[in-house]
Amino acid sequence: MKLYRKIETGARTYNYFCPVFVGDRLIYFVLNNDSAFIRCEDVVEGDVVWEYFVNDAFTSRCVQQLYGGIVWQNRIIFATERMILSLDLETGTEQSEMKVLTDKPDLSVVGNNLFVTSANEIIKIDLIKGKIIKRKKYRVKWLVGPVLEDDGKLYVATSNSKILRISNDDLTETLNYKYPGTWSVGVPAGIVGDRIVGSSYSQYVICFDKNTGEPLWQKKKKAGSEPSQVIDADKGIIYSCENINNKHITALRISDGKKLWDKETEIWEITDIDSKSMAGFLKSDNGDYEFVQIDKMTGELIAAQDIPKMHKSLEEPFRSYSMPMEIVHSDRFVAFVCGTGDIYQIQW
């Protein structure tokens, strides 16, 4: 695992880049002093394949953020808080644009339908017709993450300590999976066979029967810790990561909750990479962040070669920045964005 290439985007300040690998192409968003654009780059040759510039009228309304990056057929779909945009994967040509007001949306595609979670609402859009076919608000403060599909049913996490199962047709709630207490779930549902498993801000990692909603097992952790997780369905393991109030990563067997290993360490942006490895940023006591590979079987941390540690600084190369984010991968490469908007591409 070593540095393959550094992409200098010229971004003005850090914003979410929504990077997406499509084979050996990396598509990402850049906001700089005088323009905002989506770029597709060949990460092997280092060539720009296409760029889509956000139009002037749109830019003048202070577009600071892009969301999504969902591949559907021959398109890639993004959202802002005012529109849904789809571009041709090969050319970057605009295919459609829908004016839809949202609040920090998450996107997912099921069949030919786009599901947009926005605050406490789900918006269902027919991608063939380019029309909204259903909007549904829920009695929760907000929804967490994108809508997930499993066996013809939809699932979404909430701020109100529960995961909802909803109908694909009319988006009505058909079942819920209740975590102890009133803490936000914080992460999307993890669905493995006939089980739903996940962490939350509550004091438990918990596993439910997918068909009944009944808890099957729960493992105690530190209440109030910020949760993140990786679910390996093939191995039948949940890797539960805690930060802020606790610094811990634990591997639990989904069948019975048995602890396989645990490590007292602070890992941010934990991301599944392949059958053997995860990746994330190891935070040290002095506030530095180091990109690391995490062995799934042992929890061993392996630092990447030739990549500097990230840290909050008012000096180059990481000015005014507290941590790196947005890890993505292809079959050959892993990439992440750092504070200046530079993208580090790693040969895995």
Foldseek 3Di string as FASTA:
>chain_A
DAFDDKFQPQAQWDAAFQWDDDDQKIWTWGHHDPWTKIWIARNVVRHTQEIGTDDPVVVVVPQRHKAAQDDDDQWTWIDTQFWIWIAGNRYRHTDDIGGDHAARWAWDDDDQWIWIFGQQKIWIARNVVRGTDAMDGDPARGWAHTWDDDPQWIWTFGQQQKIFIAHPPHRHTDDIAHDPDGGGQQHGWDDADQKTWGHTLAQWTWIARNVHNHTDDIDGHDHRWRWDWDADNVQQWIWIATDDVAGKTWIARNVHRDTQDMDRFHWPAWADDDPFWIWTWTADPVQWTFIWIAGPNYRDTHGYPPDDIADDDCDPDQYRFRFWYDWDDDPFWIWTAGTRRMITIGGD
